[in-house]
């Protein structure tokens, strides 16, 4: 299962900061100063946890998260922003990996 197979919960952490988490996976959350940073960081955390599961020959938990209430609709383009940030993060990771391989 990949990052896009899970529901992400994003909420404000008062007084400043944002939390992004995948409730289905214990410990899979990120706290950053902006929504966008929290989502990018969450994807990195997901990758680390995914690798840990893979190293132990275990499957990631199935996402059974149900969204009951979605009152926060201030910015409907968050999915578009998340996808853009996700692609940027992946491109950066590939670039960094290629640079490390050259060493």
C-alpha atoms as a PDB file:
ATOM      1  CA  UNK A   1       0.000   0.000   0.000  1.00  0.00           C
ATOM      2  CA  UNK A   2       1.181   3.489  -0.776  1.00  0.00           C
ATOM      3  CA  UNK A   3       0.707   6.933   0.722  1.00  0.00           C
ATOM      4  CA  UNK A   4      -2.270   7.682  -1.518  1.00  0.00           C
ATOM      5  CA  UNK A   5      -4.098   4.591  -0.228  1.00  0.00           C
ATOM      6  CA  UNK A   6      -4.541   6.200   3.207  1.00  0.00           C
ATOM      7  CA  UNK A   7      -6.770   8.953   4.521  1.00  0.00           C
ATOM      8  CA  UNK A   8      -4.864  11.925   5.871  1.00  0.00           C
ATOM      9  CA  UNK A   9      -6.264  14.010   8.705  1.00  0.00           C
ATOM     10  CA  UNK A  10      -5.051  17.605   8.799  1.00  0.00           C
ATOM     11  CA  UNK A  11      -5.803  19.926  11.692  1.00  0.00           C
ATOM     12  CA  UNK A  12      -4.593  23.078  13.348  1.00  0.00           C
ATOM     13  CA  UNK A  13      -2.389  22.732  16.409  1.00  0.00           C
ATOM     14  CA  UNK A  14      -2.977  25.854  18.461  1.00  0.00           C
ATOM     15  CA  UNK A  15      -1.535  28.418  18.805  1.00  0.00           C
ATOM     16  CA  UNK A  16       0.593  27.851  15.736  1.00  0.00           C
ATOM     17  CA  UNK A  17       1.333  24.860  13.611  1.00  0.00           C
ATOM     18  CA  UNK A  18      -0.431  22.101  11.729  1.00  0.00           C
ATOM     19  CA  UNK A  19      -0.665  18.386  12.323  1.00  0.00           C
ATOM     20  CA  UNK A  20      -1.001  15.929   9.445  1.00  0.00           C
ATOM     21  CA  UNK A  21      -1.521  12.291  10.333  1.00  0.00           C
ATOM     22  CA  UNK A  22      -2.509   8.936   8.978  1.00  0.00           C
ATOM     23  CA  UNK A  23      -4.658   7.551  11.810  1.00  0.00           C
ATOM     24  CA  UNK A  24      -4.440   3.983  10.495  1.00  0.00           C
ATOM     25  CA  UNK A  25      -0.670   3.825  11.089  1.00  0.00           C
ATOM     26  CA  UNK A  26       0.594   4.278  14.660  1.00  0.00           C
ATOM     27  CA  UNK A  27       3.166   7.065  14.904  1.00  0.00           C
ATOM     28  CA  UNK A  28       2.547   8.355  11.391  1.00  0.00           C
ATOM     29  CA  UNK A  29       2.107  12.077  11.955  1.00  0.00           C
ATOM     30  CA  UNK A  30       3.921  15.358  11.375  1.00  0.00           C
ATOM     31  CA  UNK A  31       3.769  18.715  13.132  1.00  0.00           C
ATOM     32  CA  UNK A  32       4.957  21.686  11.099  1.00  0.00           C
ATOM     33  CA  UNK A  33       4.279  25.423  10.893  1.00  0.00           C
ATOM     34  CA  UNK A  34       2.188  25.262   7.696  1.00  0.00           C
ATOM     35  CA  UNK A  35      -0.292  22.788   6.224  1.00  0.00           C
ATOM     36  CA  UNK A  36       1.875  22.265   3.193  1.00  0.00           C
ATOM     37  CA  UNK A  37       4.999  21.539   5.245  1.00  0.00           C
ATOM     38  CA  UNK A  38       3.045  19.125   7.453  1.00  0.00           C
ATOM     39  CA  UNK A  39       1.825  17.194   4.405  1.00  0.00           C
ATOM     40  CA  UNK A  40       5.299  16.972   2.866  1.00  0.00           C
ATOM     41  CA  UNK A  41       6.797  15.882   6.190  1.00  0.00           C
ATOM     42  CA  UNK A  42       4.025  13.321   6.670  1.00  0.00           C
ATOM     43  CA  UNK A  43       4.848  11.707   3.356  1.00  0.00           C
ATOM     44  CA  UNK A  44       8.476  11.401   4.416  1.00  0.00           C
ATOM     45  CA  UNK A  45       7.450   9.861   7.738  1.00  0.00           C
ATOM     46  CA  UNK A  46       5.158   7.468   5.875  1.00  0.00           C
ATOM     47  CA  UNK A  47       8.076   6.359   3.692  1.00  0.00           C
ATOM     48  CA  UNK A  48      10.252   5.681   6.754  1.00  0.00           C
ATOM     49  CA  UNK A  49       7.525   3.686   8.493  1.00  0.00           C
ATOM     50  CA  UNK A  50       6.760   1.821   5.275  1.00  0.00           C
ATOM     51  CA  UNK A  51      10.425   0.812   4.996  1.00  0.00           C
ATOM     52  CA  UNK A  52      10.402  -0.409   8.602  1.00  0.00           C
ATOM     53  CA  UNK A  53       7.396  -2.609   7.900  1.00  0.00           C
ATOM     54  CA  UNK A  54       9.038  -3.887   4.716  1.00  0.00           C
ATOM     55  CA  UNK A  55      12.279  -4.702   6.599  1.00  0.00           C
ATOM     56  CA  UNK A  56      10.247  -6.770   9.089  1.00  0.00           C
ATOM     57  CA  UNK A  57       8.351  -8.479   6.252  1.00  0.00           C
ATOM     58  CA  UNK A  58       5.082  -7.061   7.559  1.00  0.00           C
ATOM     59  CA  UNK A  59       2.225  -5.410   5.736  1.00  0.00           C
ATOM     60  CA  UNK A  60       1.165  -1.888   6.563  1.00  0.00           C
ATOM     61  CA  UNK A  61      -2.158  -1.687   8.432  1.00  0.00           C
ATOM     62  CA  UNK A  62      -5.290  -1.459   6.328  1.00  0.00           C
ATOM     63  CA  UNK A  63      -6.909   1.970   6.434  1.00  0.00           C
ATOM     64  CA  UNK A  64     -10.241   1.669   8.210  1.00  0.00           C
ATOM     65  CA  UNK A  65     -10.472   5.396   8.930  1.00  0.00           C
ATOM     66  CA  UNK A  66     -13.934   6.865   8.417  1.00  0.00           C
ATOM     67  CA  UNK A  67     -14.423  10.573   7.919  1.00  0.00           C
ATOM     68  CA  UNK A  68     -17.513  11.516   9.884  1.00  0.00           C
ATOM     69  CA  UNK A  69     -17.414  15.298   9.782  1.00  0.00           C
ATOM     70  CA  UNK A  70     -15.605  17.622   7.395  1.00  0.00           C
ATOM     71  CA  UNK A  71     -16.470  21.159   8.499  1.00  0.00           C
ATOM     72  CA  UNK A  72     -13.117  22.595   7.365  1.00  0.00           C
ATOM     73  CA  UNK A  73     -13.676  23.602   3.760  1.00  0.00           C
ATOM     74  CA  UNK A  74     -11.709  26.839   3.729  1.00  0.00           C
ATOM     75  CA  UNK A  75      -9.403  25.759   0.954  1.00  0.00           C
ATOM     76  CA  UNK A  76     -10.677  23.107  -1.430  1.00  0.00           C
ATOM     77  CA  UNK A  77      -7.505  23.123  -3.461  1.00  0.00           C
ATOM     78  CA  UNK A  78      -5.541  21.460  -0.643  1.00  0.00           C
ATOM     79  CA  UNK A  79      -5.618  18.183  -2.591  1.00  0.00           C
ATOM     80  CA  UNK A  80      -4.087  19.909  -5.597  1.00  0.00           C
ATOM     81  CA  UNK A  81      -1.451  21.540  -3.393  1.00  0.00           C
ATOM     82  CA  UNK A  82      -0.747  18.239  -1.661  1.00  0.00           C
ATOM     83  CA  UNK A  83      -0.235  16.464  -4.972  1.00  0.00           C
ATOM     84  CA  UNK A  84       2.134  19.188  -6.168  1.00  0.00           C
ATOM     85  CA  UNK A  85       4.106  19.060  -2.915  1.00  0.00           C
ATOM     86  CA  UNK A  86       4.155  15.266  -3.001  1.00  0.00           C
ATOM     87  CA  UNK A  87       5.615  15.285  -6.510  1.00  0.00           C
ATOM     88  CA  UNK A  88       8.207  17.900  -5.514  1.00  0.00           C
ATOM     89  CA  UNK A  89       9.213  15.843  -2.473  1.00  0.00           C
ATOM     90  CA  UNK A  90       9.572  12.704  -4.583  1.00  0.00           C
ATOM     91  CA  UNK A  91      11.651  14.549  -7.169  1.00  0.00           C
ATOM     92  CA  UNK A  92      13.881  15.957  -4.420  1.00  0.00           C
ATOM     93  CA  UNK A  93      14.287  12.506  -2.867  1.00  0.00           C
ATOM     94  CA  UNK A  94      15.248  11.015  -6.231  1.00  0.00           C
ATOM     95  CA  UNK A  95      17.730  13.831  -6.826  1.00  0.00           C
ATOM     96  CA  UNK A  96      19.246  13.384  -3.355  1.00  0.00           C
ATOM     97  CA  UNK A  97      19.443   9.626  -3.864  1.00  0.00           C
ATOM     98  CA  UNK A  98      21.223  10.098  -7.177  1.00  0.00           C
ATOM     99  CA  UNK A  99      23.671  12.539  -5.577  1.00  0.00           C
ATOM    100  CA  UNK A 100      24.372  10.100  -2.740  1.00  0.00           C
ATOM    101  CA  UNK A 101      24.993   7.293  -5.237  1.00  0.00           C
ATOM    102  CA  UNK A 102      27.640   9.419  -6.947  1.00  0.00           C
ATOM    103  CA  UNK A 103      29.650   9.645  -3.696  1.00  0.00           C
END
